[in-house]
């Protein structure tokens, strides 16, 4: 009788070990999939940023006077807003 209890206990322990191993593998696979997704998203973001930078550079080279005028207007607007905010305080 005690041999049967020991065998049953050993069987439960073996089942628990198999379940823990399966759970560990599932978690490791999920982490690996997540890392892969993050790497792909980072690569796509980097590619998009590089494309935006190239497009912006090309646009600035095609329209240098418009670039200077827009930069001047943005600077004047930012300065006026900062001056107005400092005066209100």
PDB file of N, CA and C in Angstrom:
ATOM      1  N   UNK A   1       0.824  -1.191   0.000  1.00  0.00           N
ATOM      2  CA  UNK A   1       0.000   0.000   0.000  1.00  0.00           C
ATOM      3  C   UNK A   1       0.867   1.253   0.000  1.00  0.00           C
ATOM      4  N   UNK A   2       1.902   1.306   0.830  1.00  0.00           N
ATOM      5  CA  UNK A   2       2.747   2.485   0.871  1.00  0.00           C
ATOM      6  C   UNK A   2       3.528   2.631  -0.426  1.00  0.00           C
ATOM      7  N   UNK A   3       3.794   1.499  -1.094  1.00  0.00           N
ATOM      8  CA  UNK A   3       4.478   1.557  -2.385  1.00  0.00           C
ATOM      9  C   UNK A   3       3.584   2.264  -3.404  1.00  0.00           C
ATOM     10  N   UNK A   4       2.278   2.044  -3.391  1.00  0.00           N
ATOM     11  CA  UNK A   4       1.338   2.671  -4.311  1.00  0.00           C
ATOM     12  C   UNK A   4       1.273   4.170  -4.067  1.00  0.00           C
ATOM     13  N   UNK A   5       1.273   4.580  -2.814  1.00  0.00           N
ATOM     14  CA  UNK A   5       1.241   6.005  -2.473  1.00  0.00           C
ATOM     15  C   UNK A   5       2.504   6.686  -2.970  1.00  0.00           C
ATOM     16  N   UNK A   6       3.636   6.019  -2.787  1.00  0.00           N
ATOM     17  CA  UNK A   6       4.907   6.569  -3.246  1.00  0.00           C
ATOM     18  C   UNK A   6       4.904   6.676  -4.766  1.00  0.00           C
ATOM     19  N   UNK A   7       4.400   5.657  -5.445  1.00  0.00           N
ATOM     20  CA  UNK A   7       4.349   5.688  -6.910  1.00  0.00           C
ATOM     21  C   UNK A   7       3.412   6.794  -7.395  1.00  0.00           C
ATOM     22  N   UNK A   8       2.266   6.935  -6.735  1.00  0.00           N
ATOM     23  CA  UNK A   8       1.316   8.001  -7.109  1.00  0.00           C
ATOM     24  C   UNK A   8       1.944   9.370  -6.904  1.00  0.00           C
ATOM     25  N   UNK A   9       2.617   9.529  -5.784  1.00  0.00           N
ATOM     26  CA  UNK A   9       3.266  10.806  -5.485  1.00  0.00           C
ATOM     27  C   UNK A   9       4.347  11.102  -6.526  1.00  0.00           C
ATOM     28  N   UNK A  10       5.114  10.087  -6.875  1.00  0.00           N
ATOM     29  CA  UNK A  10       6.151  10.266  -7.892  1.00  0.00           C
ATOM     30  C   UNK A  10       5.519  10.635  -9.233  1.00  0.00           C
ATOM     31  N   UNK A  11       4.388  10.005  -9.539  1.00  0.00           N
ATOM     32  CA  UNK A  11       3.678  10.323 -10.781  1.00  0.00           C
ATOM     33  C   UNK A  11       3.182  11.759 -10.791  1.00  0.00           C
ATOM     34  N   UNK A  12       2.648  12.226  -9.655  1.00  0.00           N
ATOM     35  CA  UNK A  12       2.179  13.621  -9.553  1.00  0.00           C
ATOM     36  C   UNK A  12       3.348  14.598  -9.683  1.00  0.00           C
ATOM     37  N   UNK A  13       4.446  14.247  -9.078  1.00  0.00           N
ATOM     38  CA  UNK A  13       5.631  15.115  -9.157  1.00  0.00           C
ATOM     39  C   UNK A  13       6.123  15.187 -10.601  1.00  0.00           C
ATOM     40  N   UNK A  14       6.145  14.051 -11.298  1.00  0.00           N
ATOM     41  CA  UNK A  14       6.583  14.026 -12.692  1.00  0.00           C
ATOM     42  C   UNK A  14       5.633  14.852 -13.566  1.00  0.00           C
ATOM     43  N   UNK A  15       4.318  14.733 -13.330  1.00  0.00           N
ATOM     44  CA  UNK A  15       3.337  15.526 -14.084  1.00  0.00           C
ATOM     45  C   UNK A  15       3.527  17.016 -13.820  1.00  0.00           C
ATOM     46  N   UNK A  16       3.735  17.352 -12.560  1.00  0.00           N
ATOM     47  CA  UNK A  16       3.954  18.760 -12.208  1.00  0.00           C
ATOM     48  C   UNK A  16       5.211  19.298 -12.875  1.00  0.00           C
ATOM     49  N   UNK A  17       6.261  18.484 -12.921  1.00  0.00           N
ATOM     50  CA  UNK A  17       7.510  18.904 -13.563  1.00  0.00           C
ATOM     51  C   UNK A  17       7.296  19.117 -15.054  1.00  0.00           C
ATOM     52  N   UNK A  18       6.535  18.217 -15.703  1.00  0.00           N
ATOM     53  CA  UNK A  18       6.246  18.372 -17.128  1.00  0.00           C
ATOM     54  C   UNK A  18       5.419  19.643 -17.378  1.00  0.00           C
ATOM     55  N   UNK A  19       4.438  19.889 -16.533  1.00  0.00           N
ATOM     56  CA  UNK A  19       3.613  21.093 -16.688  1.00  0.00           C
ATOM     57  C   UNK A  19       4.452  22.353 -16.484  1.00  0.00           C
ATOM     58  N   UNK A  20       5.329  22.328 -15.491  1.00  0.00           N
ATOM     59  CA  UNK A  20       6.197  23.480 -15.248  1.00  0.00           C
ATOM     60  C   UNK A  20       7.132  23.701 -16.434  1.00  0.00           C
ATOM     61  N   UNK A  21       7.629  22.608 -17.010  1.00  0.00           N
ATOM     62  CA  UNK A  21       8.503  22.720 -18.176  1.00  0.00           C
ATOM     63  C   UNK A  21       7.746  23.305 -19.354  1.00  0.00           C
ATOM     64  N   UNK A  22       6.523  22.867 -19.563  1.00  0.00           N
ATOM     65  CA  UNK A  22       5.702  23.400 -20.660  1.00  0.00           C
ATOM     66  C   UNK A  22       5.393  24.879 -20.429  1.00  0.00           C
ATOM     67  N   UNK A  23       5.080  25.232 -19.197  1.00  0.00           N
ATOM     68  CA  UNK A  23       4.784  26.629 -18.885  1.00  0.00           C
ATOM     69  C   UNK A  23       6.020  27.503 -19.098  1.00  0.00           C
ATOM     70  N   UNK A  24       7.171  27.009 -18.685  1.00  0.00           N
ATOM     71  CA  UNK A  24       8.413  27.754 -18.869  1.00  0.00           C
ATOM     72  C   UNK A  24       8.698  27.962 -20.351  1.00  0.00           C
ATOM     73  N   UNK A  25       8.491  26.930 -21.151  1.00  0.00           N
ATOM     74  CA  UNK A  25       8.713  27.037 -22.592  1.00  0.00           C
ATOM     75  C   UNK A  25       7.728  28.038 -23.204  1.00  0.00           C
ATOM     76  N   UNK A  26       6.481  28.010 -22.766  1.00  0.00           N
ATOM     77  CA  UNK A  26       5.485  28.943 -23.298  1.00  0.00           C
ATOM     78  C   UNK A  26       5.861  30.384 -22.966  1.00  0.00           C
ATOM     79  N   UNK A  27       6.315  30.619 -21.744  1.00  0.00           N
ATOM     80  CA  UNK A  27       6.732  31.964 -21.348  1.00  0.00           C
ATOM     81  C   UNK A  27       7.949  32.402 -22.152  1.00  0.00           C
ATOM     82  N   UNK A  28       8.911  31.507 -22.325  1.00  0.00           N
ATOM     83  CA  UNK A  28      10.110  31.840 -23.101  1.00  0.00           C
ATOM     84  C   UNK A  28       9.745  32.152 -24.551  1.00  0.00           C
ATOM     85  N   UNK A  29       8.825  31.387 -25.131  1.00  0.00           N
ATOM     86  CA  UNK A  29       8.383  31.651 -26.504  1.00  0.00           C
ATOM     87  C   UNK A  29       7.676  32.994 -26.604  1.00  0.00           C
ATOM     88  N   UNK A  30       6.836  33.307 -25.616  1.00  0.00           N
ATOM     89  CA  UNK A  30       6.129  34.584 -25.622  1.00  0.00           C
ATOM     90  C   UNK A  30       7.108  35.754 -25.522  1.00  0.00           C
ATOM     91  N   UNK A  31       8.118  35.610 -24.687  1.00  0.00           N
ATOM     92  CA  UNK A  31       9.123  36.671 -24.547  1.00  0.00           C
ATOM     93  C   UNK A  31       9.901  36.825 -25.848  1.00  0.00           C
ATOM     94  N   UNK A  32      10.260  35.707 -26.451  1.00  0.00           N
ATOM     95  CA  UNK A  32      10.999  35.746 -27.715  1.00  0.00           C
ATOM     96  C   UNK A  32      10.158  36.421 -28.804  1.00  0.00           C
ATOM     97  N   UNK A  33       8.875  36.102 -28.862  1.00  0.00           N
ATOM     98  CA  UNK A  33       7.988  36.739 -29.840  1.00  0.00           C
ATOM     99  C   UNK A  33       7.880  38.237 -29.578  1.00  0.00           C
ATOM    100  N   UNK A  34       7.797  38.620 -28.310  1.00  0.00           N
ATOM    101  CA  UNK A  34       7.721  40.038 -27.964  1.00  0.00           C
ATOM    102  C   UNK A  34       8.980  40.789 -28.341  1.00  0.00           C
ATOM    103  N   UNK A  35      10.122  40.192 -28.105  1.00  0.00           N
ATOM    104  CA  UNK A  35      11.392  40.824 -28.466  1.00  0.00           C
ATOM    105  C   UNK A  35      11.470  40.993 -29.981  1.00  0.00           C
ATOM    106  N   UNK A  36      11.039  39.981 -30.708  1.00  0.00           N
ATOM    107  CA  UNK A  36      11.036  40.065 -32.166  1.00  0.00           C
ATOM    108  C   UNK A  36      10.125  41.182 -32.657  1.00  0.00           C
ATOM    109  N   UNK A  37       8.957  41.313 -32.040  1.00  0.00           N
ATOM    110  CA  UNK A  37       8.026  42.370 -32.437  1.00  0.00           C
ATOM    111  C   UNK A  37       8.610  43.748 -32.145  1.00  0.00           C
ATOM    112  N   UNK A  38       9.266  43.891 -31.006  1.00  0.00           N
ATOM    113  CA  UNK A  38       9.884  45.176 -30.657  1.00  0.00           C
ATOM    114  C   UNK A  38      11.005  45.510 -31.636  1.00  0.00           C
ATOM    115  N   UNK A  39      11.806  44.523 -31.999  1.00  0.00           N
ATOM    116  CA  UNK A  39      12.896  44.756 -32.949  1.00  0.00           C
ATOM    117  C   UNK A  39      12.342  45.184 -34.305  1.00  0.00           C
ATOM    118  N   UNK A  40      11.272  44.516 -34.755  1.00  0.00           N
ATOM    119  CA  UNK A  40      10.672  44.892 -36.041  1.00  0.00           C
ATOM    120  C   UNK A  40      10.094  46.303 -35.992  1.00  0.00           C
ATOM    121  N   UNK A  41       9.422  46.637 -34.891  1.00  0.00           N
ATOM    122  CA  UNK A  41       8.846  47.975 -34.757  1.00  0.00           C
ATOM    123  C   UNK A  41       9.940  49.036 -34.716  1.00  0.00           C
ATOM    124  N   UNK A  42      11.028  48.749 -34.029  1.00  0.00           N
ATOM    125  CA  UNK A  42      12.137  49.713 -33.954  1.00  0.00           C
ATOM    126  C   UNK A  42      12.763  49.913 -35.327  1.00  0.00           C
ATOM    127  N   UNK A  43      12.915  48.835 -36.070  1.00  0.00           N
ATOM    128  CA  UNK A  43      13.492  48.948 -37.421  1.00  0.00           C
ATOM    129  C   UNK A  43      12.574  49.762 -38.322  1.00  0.00           C
ATOM    130  N   UNK A  44      11.273  49.488 -38.272  1.00  0.00           N
ATOM    131  CA  UNK A  44      10.324  50.248 -39.098  1.00  0.00           C
ATOM    132  C   UNK A  44      10.322  51.719 -38.710  1.00  0.00           C
ATOM    133  N   UNK A  45      10.381  51.999 -37.420  1.00  0.00           N
ATOM    134  CA  UNK A  45      10.405  53.390 -36.956  1.00  0.00           C
ATOM    135  C   UNK A  45      11.668  54.092 -37.418  1.00  0.00           C
ATOM    136  N   UNK A  46      12.790  53.404 -37.323  1.00  0.00           N
ATOM    137  CA  UNK A  46      14.053  53.983 -37.781  1.00  0.00           C
ATOM    138  C   UNK A  46      14.032  54.263 -39.280  1.00  0.00           C
ATOM    139  N   UNK A  47      13.482  53.318 -40.037  1.00  0.00           N
ATOM    140  CA  UNK A  47      13.384  53.515 -41.485  1.00  0.00           C
ATOM    141  C   UNK A  47      12.470  54.689 -41.814  1.00  0.00           C
ATOM    142  N   UNK A  48      11.351  54.804 -41.102  1.00  0.00           N
ATOM    143  CA  UNK A  48      10.426  55.911 -41.342  1.00  0.00           C
ATOM    144  C   UNK A  48      11.066  57.245 -40.979  1.00  0.00           C
ATOM    145  N   UNK A  49      11.800  57.290 -39.884  1.00  0.00           N
ATOM    146  CA  UNK A  49      12.473  58.532 -39.478  1.00  0.00           C
ATOM    147  C   UNK A  49      13.538  58.923 -40.505  1.00  0.00           C
ATOM    148  N   UNK A  50      14.279  57.944 -41.006  1.00  0.00           N
ATOM    149  CA  UNK A  50      15.295  58.232 -42.009  1.00  0.00           C
ATOM    150  C   UNK A  50      14.654  58.757 -43.297  1.00  0.00           C
ATOM    151  N   UNK A  51      13.546  58.156 -43.683  1.00  0.00           N
ATOM    152  CA  UNK A  51      12.841  58.612 -44.888  1.00  0.00           C
ATOM    153  C   UNK A  51      12.309  60.030 -44.707  1.00  0.00           C
ATOM    154  N   UNK A  52      11.767  60.318 -43.525  1.00  0.00           N
ATOM    155  CA  UNK A  52      11.276  61.669 -43.239  1.00  0.00           C
ATOM    156  C   UNK A  52      12.411  62.681 -43.288  1.00  0.00           C
ATOM    157  N   UNK A  53      13.551  62.324 -42.721  1.00  0.00           N
ATOM    158  CA  UNK A  53      14.708  63.215 -42.728  1.00  0.00           C
ATOM    159  C   UNK A  53      15.188  63.474 -44.161  1.00  0.00           C
ATOM    160  N   UNK A  54      15.233  62.431 -44.966  1.00  0.00           N
ATOM    161  CA  UNK A  54      15.650  62.598 -46.361  1.00  0.00           C
ATOM    162  C   UNK A  54      14.659  63.466 -47.139  1.00  0.00           C
ATOM    163  N   UNK A  55      13.359  63.227 -46.945  1.00  0.00           N
ATOM    164  CA  UNK A  55      12.342  64.032 -47.626  1.00  0.00           C
ATOM    165  C   UNK A  55      12.435  65.491 -47.210  1.00  0.00           C
ATOM    166  N   UNK A  56      12.627  65.717 -45.915  1.00  0.00           N
ATOM    167  CA  UNK A  56      12.733  67.084 -45.412  1.00  0.00           C
ATOM    168  C   UNK A  56      13.970  67.773 -45.976  1.00  0.00           C
ATOM    169  N   UNK A  57      15.068  67.057 -46.003  1.00  0.00           N
ATOM    170  CA  UNK A  57      16.300  67.616 -46.545  1.00  0.00           C
ATOM    171  C   UNK A  57      16.129  67.984 -48.019  1.00  0.00           C
ATOM    172  N   UNK A  58      15.505  67.112 -48.789  1.00  0.00           N
ATOM    173  CA  UNK A  58      15.258  67.398 -50.207  1.00  0.00           C
ATOM    174  C   UNK A  58      14.355  68.618 -50.374  1.00  0.00           C
ATOM    175  N   UNK A  59      13.312  68.701 -49.555  1.00  0.00           N
ATOM    176  CA  UNK A  59      12.382  69.833 -49.641  1.00  0.00           C
ATOM    177  C   UNK A  59      13.080  71.141 -49.279  1.00  0.00           C
ATOM    178  N   UNK A  60      13.942  71.094 -48.260  1.00  0.00           N
ATOM    179  CA  UNK A  60      14.665  72.303 -47.860  1.00  0.00           C
ATOM    180  C   UNK A  60      15.630  72.753 -48.950  1.00  0.00           C
ATOM    181  N   UNK A  61      16.247  71.827 -49.633  1.00  0.00           N
ATOM    182  CA  UNK A  61      17.180  72.176 -50.704  1.00  0.00           C
ATOM    183  C   UNK A  61      16.455  72.734 -51.933  1.00  0.00           C
ATOM    184  N   UNK A  62      15.241  72.279 -52.164  1.00  0.00           N
ATOM    185  CA  UNK A  62      14.480  72.787 -53.308  1.00  0.00           C
ATOM    186  C   UNK A  62      13.943  74.193 -53.067  1.00  0.00           C
ATOM    187  N   UNK A  63      13.627  74.542 -51.804  1.00  0.00           N
ATOM    188  CA  UNK A  63      13.002  75.820 -51.477  1.00  0.00           C
ATOM    189  C   UNK A  63      13.778  76.550 -50.377  1.00  0.00           C
ATOM    190  N   UNK A  64      14.959  77.048 -50.638  1.00  0.00           N
ATOM    191  CA  UNK A  64      15.762  77.654 -49.572  1.00  0.00           C
ATOM    192  C   UNK A  64      15.151  78.961 -49.036  1.00  0.00           C
ATOM    193  N   UNK A  65      14.557  79.778 -49.893  1.00  0.00           N
ATOM    194  CA  UNK A  65      13.975  81.039 -49.413  1.00  0.00           C
ATOM    195  C   UNK A  65      12.759  80.780 -48.531  1.00  0.00           C
ATOM    196  N   UNK A  66      11.941  79.830 -48.901  1.00  0.00           N
ATOM    197  CA  UNK A  66      10.791  79.471 -48.074  1.00  0.00           C
ATOM    198  C   UNK A  66      11.249  78.927 -46.722  1.00  0.00           C
ATOM    199  N   UNK A  67      12.330  78.188 -46.734  1.00  0.00           N
ATOM    200  CA  UNK A  67      12.884  77.648 -45.488  1.00  0.00           C
ATOM    201  C   UNK A  67      13.332  78.782 -44.564  1.00  0.00           C
ATOM    202  N   UNK A  68      14.030  79.745 -45.112  1.00  0.00           N
ATOM    203  CA  UNK A  68      14.503  80.873 -44.302  1.00  0.00           C
ATOM    204  C   UNK A  68      13.315  81.667 -43.758  1.00  0.00           C
ATOM    205  N   UNK A  69      12.315  81.915 -44.598  1.00  0.00           N
ATOM    206  CA  UNK A  69      11.144  82.678 -44.163  1.00  0.00           C
ATOM    207  C   UNK A  69      10.374  81.936 -43.072  1.00  0.00           C
ATOM    208  N   UNK A  70      10.195  80.625 -43.242  1.00  0.00           N
ATOM    209  CA  UNK A  70       9.465  79.840 -42.241  1.00  0.00           C
ATOM    210  C   UNK A  70      10.225  79.800 -40.924  1.00  0.00           C
ATOM    211  N   UNK A  71      11.535  79.638 -40.974  1.00  0.00           N
ATOM    212  CA  UNK A  71      12.348  79.625 -39.762  1.00  0.00           C
ATOM    213  C   UNK A  71      12.264  80.961 -39.035  1.00  0.00           C
ATOM    214  N   UNK A  72      12.326  82.041 -39.783  1.00  0.00           N
ATOM    215  CA  UNK A  72      12.217  83.372 -39.198  1.00  0.00           C
ATOM    216  C   UNK A  72      10.852  83.563 -38.534  1.00  0.00           C
ATOM    217  N   UNK A  73       9.785  83.153 -39.226  1.00  0.00           N
ATOM    218  CA  UNK A  73       8.428  83.294 -38.680  1.00  0.00           C
ATOM    219  C   UNK A  73       8.255  82.465 -37.406  1.00  0.00           C
ATOM    220  N   UNK A  74       8.783  81.256 -37.401  1.00  0.00           N
ATOM    221  CA  UNK A  74       8.674  80.395 -36.209  1.00  0.00           C
ATOM    222  C   UNK A  74       9.448  81.009 -35.050  1.00  0.00           C
ATOM    223  N   UNK A  75      10.627  81.558 -35.326  1.00  0.00           N
ATOM    224  CA  UNK A  75      11.416  82.200 -34.271  1.00  0.00           C
ATOM    225  C   UNK A  75      10.717  83.414 -33.685  1.00  0.00           C
ATOM    226  N   UNK A  76      10.148  84.249 -34.537  1.00  0.00           N
ATOM    227  CA  UNK A  76       9.424  85.434 -34.054  1.00  0.00           C
ATOM    228  C   UNK A  76       8.216  85.014 -33.216  1.00  0.00           C
ATOM    229  N   UNK A  77       7.476  84.023 -33.690  1.00  0.00           N
ATOM    230  CA  UNK A  77       6.296  83.549 -32.958  1.00  0.00           C
ATOM    231  C   UNK A  77       6.689  82.963 -31.606  1.00  0.00           C
ATOM    232  N   UNK A  78       7.727  82.139 -31.578  1.00  0.00           N
ATOM    233  CA  UNK A  78       8.172  81.539 -30.316  1.00  0.00           C
ATOM    234  C   UNK A  78       8.647  82.614 -29.348  1.00  0.00           C
ATOM    235  N   UNK A  79       9.382  83.588 -29.846  1.00  0.00           N
ATOM    236  CA  UNK A  79       9.843  84.675 -28.980  1.00  0.00           C
ATOM    237  C   UNK A  79       8.685  85.491 -28.421  1.00  0.00           C
ATOM    238  N   UNK A  80       7.697  85.767 -29.263  1.00  0.00           N
ATOM    239  CA  UNK A  80       6.526  86.531 -28.795  1.00  0.00           C
ATOM    240  C   UNK A  80       5.764  85.746 -27.735  1.00  0.00           C
ATOM    241  N   UNK A  81       5.590  84.448 -27.963  1.00  0.00           N
ATOM    242  CA  UNK A  81       4.874  83.628 -26.973  1.00  0.00           C
ATOM    243  C   UNK A  81       5.631  83.563 -25.648  1.00  0.00           C
ATOM    244  N   UNK A  82       6.934  83.391 -25.708  1.00  0.00           N
ATOM    245  CA  UNK A  82       7.725  83.341 -24.468  1.00  0.00           C
ATOM    246  C   UNK A  82       7.673  84.683 -23.743  1.00  0.00           C
ATOM    247  N   UNK A  83       7.796  85.776 -24.490  1.00  0.00           N
ATOM    248  CA  UNK A  83       7.695  87.088 -23.856  1.00  0.00           C
ATOM    249  C   UNK A  83       6.340  87.315 -23.218  1.00  0.00           C
ATOM    250  N   UNK A  84       5.295  86.922 -23.902  1.00  0.00           N
ATOM    251  CA  UNK A  84       3.937  87.080 -23.362  1.00  0.00           C
ATOM    252  C   UNK A  84       3.755  86.233 -22.108  1.00  0.00           C
ATOM    253  N   UNK A  85       4.277  84.982 -22.124  1.00  0.00           N
ATOM    254  CA  UNK A  85       4.140  84.095 -20.955  1.00  0.00           C
ATOM    255  C   UNK A  85       4.941  84.636 -19.785  1.00  0.00           C
ATOM    256  N   UNK A  86       6.110  85.202 -20.020  1.00  0.00           N
ATOM    257  CA  UNK A  86       6.936  85.726 -18.929  1.00  0.00           C
ATOM    258  C   UNK A  86       6.291  86.987 -18.343  1.00  0.00           C
ATOM    259  N   UNK A  87       5.653  87.781 -19.178  1.00  0.00           N
ATOM    260  CA  UNK A  87       5.003  89.000 -18.693  1.00  0.00           C
ATOM    261  C   UNK A  87       3.776  88.664 -17.826  1.00  0.00           C
ATOM    262  N   UNK A  88       3.089  87.570 -18.145  1.00  0.00           N
ATOM    263  CA  UNK A  88       1.898  87.175 -17.384  1.00  0.00           C
ATOM    264  C   UNK A  88       2.252  86.673 -15.988  1.00  0.00           C
ATOM    265  N   UNK A  89       3.422  86.119 -15.812  1.00  0.00           N
ATOM    266  CA  UNK A  89       3.803  85.501 -14.534  1.00  0.00           C
ATOM    267  C   UNK A  89       4.075  86.497 -13.466  1.00  0.00           C
TER     268      UNK A  89
END
